[in-house]
Structures are given as structure tokens and as C-alpha cells.
Amino acid sequence: MLLAACGQQHKARSIVDDFMDENMSDQSAIHAVDYAKLDSTRLIGDSLIQAMRKAAEKNKLFRHPITYAEGNPTPLLFITRVDYKVGDKECQDTYYLDADLTRVVAFKSLMDE
């Protein structure tokens, strides 16, 4: 069981890393990256996903439009929080991944504008 959890954590981290690489304006400026333990939820529906995607379009650290993989979100989503720094600025994003751990369906940022 622990081995499966470690594998899921690694897979989630890889998916989030790829998403950040594809969508961040300056990925090379990011350092001190730390990932929280993977968790799951069934409480995020389509309207919340659309609201998070709309809010993300205002995030200056990301290119616009942000590219998400095609497909409908699954009822079960995995969640991981990523803490990182851009220069001296501390940032925190929460990523929502599909149940198969194949793609990011949405994310939200907690940061000062």
C-alpha cells in the first residue's frame, strides 16, 4: 500500500511539474519547490473548476491562455499543494488532478499580486 502511495505521489509531482513547465512565464525563476502530500476530494464540481480556471487567467506568473489537457473532470480529484519561491516572493498553488493522475484539471494560487 505504501509503495502505491509513493508511486501516486511521484506521478502527481511529475504531472504538476510538466504543467508548470508548459504554462509558467519563467519557469527558470522558480526555486525552493516543495510538494504537500497527495490527497483526494469529491467536492469540486464543474462550476468550481471553471471559476478556478477563470481566476488563474489573472495570474501573472503564467502564460495566457493556460493550456489544460482535453477531457471532462472526473468526480474524484487528487489534490496537491506546491510551495515555491520566485525571487524572494513566496508562492503557493493547489493543483487538482484527475482520478487517473494523467492531467491537471484546475489550480488555484495563494499569492500577493
C-alpha atoms as a PDB file:
ATOM      1  CA  MET A   1       0.000   0.000   0.000  1.00  0.00           C
ATOM      2  CA  LEU A   2       2.783   2.436   0.892  1.00  0.00           C
ATOM      3  CA  LEU A   3       4.581   1.695  -2.378  1.00  0.00           C
ATOM      4  CA  ALA A   4       1.419   2.539  -4.332  1.00  0.00           C
ATOM      5  CA  ALA A   5       1.033   5.808  -2.424  1.00  0.00           C
ATOM      6  CA  CYS A   6       4.653   6.740  -3.152  1.00  0.00           C
ATOM      7  CA  GLY A   7       4.098   5.944  -6.823  1.00  0.00           C
ATOM      8  CA  GLN A   8       0.980   8.126  -6.930  1.00  0.00           C
ATOM      9  CA  GLN A   9       2.822  10.980  -5.202  1.00  0.00           C
ATOM     10  CA  HIS A  10       5.667  10.760  -7.718  1.00  0.00           C
ATOM     11  CA  LYS A  11       3.254  10.611 -10.656  1.00  0.00           C
ATOM     12  CA  ALA A  12       1.304  13.638  -9.381  1.00  0.00           C
ATOM     13  CA  ARG A  13       4.507  15.608  -8.904  1.00  0.00           C
ATOM     14  CA  SER A  14       5.617  14.782 -12.447  1.00  0.00           C
ATOM     15  CA  ILE A  15       2.256  15.907 -13.900  1.00  0.00           C
ATOM     16  CA  VAL A  16       2.338  19.177 -11.960  1.00  0.00           C
ATOM     17  CA  ASP A  17       5.975  19.797 -12.949  1.00  0.00           C
ATOM     18  CA  ASP A  18       5.073  19.303 -16.611  1.00  0.00           C
ATOM     19  CA  PHE A  19       2.056  21.609 -16.293  1.00  0.00           C
ATOM     20  CA  MET A  20       4.175  24.327 -14.667  1.00  0.00           C
ATOM     21  CA  ASP A  21       6.893  23.911 -17.322  1.00  0.00           C
ATOM     22  CA  GLU A  22       4.322  24.326 -20.109  1.00  0.00           C
ATOM     23  CA  ASN A  23       2.363  27.205 -18.616  1.00  0.00           C
ATOM     24  CA  MET A  24       4.576  29.362 -16.413  1.00  0.00           C
ATOM     25  CA  SER A  25       6.016  32.544 -17.884  1.00  0.00           C
ATOM     26  CA  ASP A  26       9.509  31.989 -16.486  1.00  0.00           C
ATOM     27  CA  GLN A  27       9.939  28.501 -15.068  1.00  0.00           C
ATOM     28  CA  SER A  28      13.676  29.107 -14.574  1.00  0.00           C
ATOM     29  CA  ALA A  29      12.933  31.777 -11.920  1.00  0.00           C
ATOM     30  CA  ILE A  30      11.262  29.241  -9.625  1.00  0.00           C
ATOM     31  CA  HIS A  31      13.203  27.690  -6.760  1.00  0.00           C
ATOM     32  CA  ALA A  32      12.695  26.072  -3.337  1.00  0.00           C
ATOM     33  CA  VAL A  33       9.836  23.907  -4.605  1.00  0.00           C
ATOM     34  CA  ASP A  34       8.085  21.750  -2.014  1.00  0.00           C
ATOM     35  CA  TYR A  35       5.126  19.395  -2.607  1.00  0.00           C
ATOM     36  CA  ALA A  36       2.499  18.552   0.013  1.00  0.00           C
ATOM     37  CA  LYS A  37       1.171  15.032   0.473  1.00  0.00           C
ATOM     38  CA  LEU A  38      -1.335  13.958  -2.170  1.00  0.00           C
ATOM     39  CA  ASP A  39      -4.977  13.952  -1.047  1.00  0.00           C
ATOM     40  CA  SER A  40      -8.348  13.476  -2.748  1.00  0.00           C
ATOM     41  CA  THR A  41     -11.759  15.135  -2.910  1.00  0.00           C
ATOM     42  CA  ARG A  42     -15.165  14.666  -4.460  1.00  0.00           C
ATOM     43  CA  LEU A  43     -16.286  18.192  -3.519  1.00  0.00           C
ATOM     44  CA  ILE A  44     -15.061  20.053  -6.618  1.00  0.00           C
ATOM     45  CA  GLY A  45     -17.624  20.266  -9.403  1.00  0.00           C
ATOM     46  CA  ASP A  46     -17.608  21.779 -12.875  1.00  0.00           C
ATOM     47  CA  SER A  47     -18.598  25.279 -11.705  1.00  0.00           C
ATOM     48  CA  LEU A  48     -15.699  25.440  -9.223  1.00  0.00           C
ATOM     49  CA  ILE A  49     -13.286  24.134 -11.835  1.00  0.00           C
ATOM     50  CA  GLN A  50     -14.412  26.816 -14.289  1.00  0.00           C
ATOM     51  CA  ALA A  51     -14.122  29.500 -11.579  1.00  0.00           C
ATOM     52  CA  MET A  52     -10.558  28.386 -10.727  1.00  0.00           C
ATOM     53  CA  ARG A  53      -9.597  28.370 -14.407  1.00  0.00           C
ATOM     54  CA  LYS A  54     -11.004  31.879 -14.872  1.00  0.00           C
ATOM     55  CA  ALA A  55      -9.161  33.183 -11.792  1.00  0.00           C
ATOM     56  CA  ALA A  56      -5.919  31.531 -12.979  1.00  0.00           C
ATOM     57  CA  GLU A  57      -6.026  33.613 -16.163  1.00  0.00           C
ATOM     58  CA  LYS A  58      -5.211  36.669 -13.996  1.00  0.00           C
ATOM     59  CA  ASN A  59      -2.097  35.057 -12.523  1.00  0.00           C
ATOM     60  CA  LYS A  60       0.933  36.972 -13.806  1.00  0.00           C
ATOM     61  CA  LEU A  61       3.298  34.034 -13.277  1.00  0.00           C
ATOM     62  CA  PHE A  62       1.549  32.030 -16.009  1.00  0.00           C
ATOM     63  CA  ARG A  63       1.326  32.402 -19.784  1.00  0.00           C
ATOM     64  CA  HIS A  64      -2.122  33.064 -21.149  1.00  0.00           C
ATOM     65  CA  PRO A  65      -4.186  31.292 -22.150  1.00  0.00           C
ATOM     66  CA  ILE A  66      -3.284  28.492 -19.760  1.00  0.00           C
ATOM     67  CA  THR A  67      -3.374  25.110 -21.502  1.00  0.00           C
ATOM     68  CA  TYR A  68      -5.264  22.249 -19.862  1.00  0.00           C
ATOM     69  CA  ALA A  69      -5.472  18.720 -21.269  1.00  0.00           C
ATOM     70  CA  GLU A  70      -8.729  17.846 -23.010  1.00  0.00           C
ATOM     71  CA  GLY A  71     -11.442  15.824 -21.317  1.00  0.00           C
ATOM     72  CA  ASN A  72     -14.062  16.114 -18.628  1.00  0.00           C
ATOM     73  CA  PRO A  73     -13.011  16.207 -14.969  1.00  0.00           C
ATOM     74  CA  THR A  74     -13.556  13.004 -13.012  1.00  0.00           C
ATOM     75  CA  PRO A  75     -15.843  13.049  -9.934  1.00  0.00           C
ATOM     76  CA  LEU A  76     -12.834  12.139  -7.770  1.00  0.00           C
ATOM     77  CA  LEU A  77      -9.919  14.560  -7.965  1.00  0.00           C
ATOM     78  CA  PHE A  78      -6.485  14.364  -6.402  1.00  0.00           C
ATOM     79  CA  ILE A  79      -5.071  17.478  -4.766  1.00  0.00           C
ATOM     80  CA  THR A  80      -1.512  18.557  -4.090  1.00  0.00           C
ATOM     81  CA  ARG A  81      -0.191  21.874  -2.830  1.00  0.00           C
ATOM     82  CA  VAL A  82       3.043  23.280  -4.199  1.00  0.00           C
ATOM     83  CA  ASP A  83       5.054  25.889  -2.288  1.00  0.00           C
ATOM     84  CA  TYR A  84       7.779  27.705  -4.205  1.00  0.00           C
ATOM     85  CA  LYS A  85       9.658  30.966  -4.497  1.00  0.00           C
ATOM     86  CA  VAL A  86      10.040  33.335  -7.414  1.00  0.00           C
ATOM     87  CA  GLY A  87      12.926  35.538  -6.362  1.00  0.00           C
ATOM     88  CA  ASP A  88      12.120  36.466  -2.751  1.00  0.00           C
ATOM     89  CA  LYS A  89       8.379  36.114  -3.277  1.00  0.00           C
ATOM     90  CA  GLU A  90       6.746  33.074  -1.639  1.00  0.00           C
ATOM     91  CA  CYS A  91       4.000  31.436  -3.702  1.00  0.00           C
ATOM     92  CA  GLN A  92       1.595  28.589  -3.126  1.00  0.00           C
ATOM     93  CA  ASP A  93      -0.581  26.796  -5.676  1.00  0.00           C
ATOM     94  CA  THR A  94      -3.079  23.989  -5.153  1.00  0.00           C
ATOM     95  CA  TYR A  95      -3.364  21.633  -8.117  1.00  0.00           C
ATOM     96  CA  TYR A  96      -6.368  19.429  -8.884  1.00  0.00           C
ATOM     97  CA  LEU A  97      -5.611  16.312 -10.945  1.00  0.00           C
ATOM     98  CA  ASP A  98      -7.967  13.753 -12.479  1.00  0.00           C
ATOM     99  CA  ALA A  99      -8.564  10.392 -10.786  1.00  0.00           C
ATOM    100  CA  ASP A 100      -6.192   8.606 -13.182  1.00  0.00           C
ATOM    101  CA  LEU A 101      -3.366  11.056 -12.394  1.00  0.00           C
ATOM    102  CA  THR A 102      -2.926  11.915 -16.057  1.00  0.00           C
ATOM    103  CA  ARG A 103      -3.626  15.661 -16.134  1.00  0.00           C
ATOM    104  CA  VAL A 104      -4.182  18.881 -14.206  1.00  0.00           C
ATOM    105  CA  VAL A 105      -7.830  19.921 -14.452  1.00  0.00           C
ATOM    106  CA  ALA A 106      -7.506  23.192 -12.497  1.00  0.00           C
ATOM    107  CA  PHE A 107      -5.362  25.050  -9.976  1.00  0.00           C
ATOM    108  CA  LYS A 108      -5.615  27.985  -7.643  1.00  0.00           C
ATOM    109  CA  SER A 109      -2.892  30.269  -6.365  1.00  0.00           C
ATOM    110  CA  LEU A 110      -2.462  31.878  -2.983  1.00  0.00           C
ATOM    111  CA  MET A 111      -0.115  34.781  -3.545  1.00  0.00           C
ATOM    112  CA  ASP A 112       0.110  38.538  -3.311  1.00  0.00           C
ATOM    113  CA  GLU A 113      -0.486  40.374  -6.552  1.00  0.00           C
END
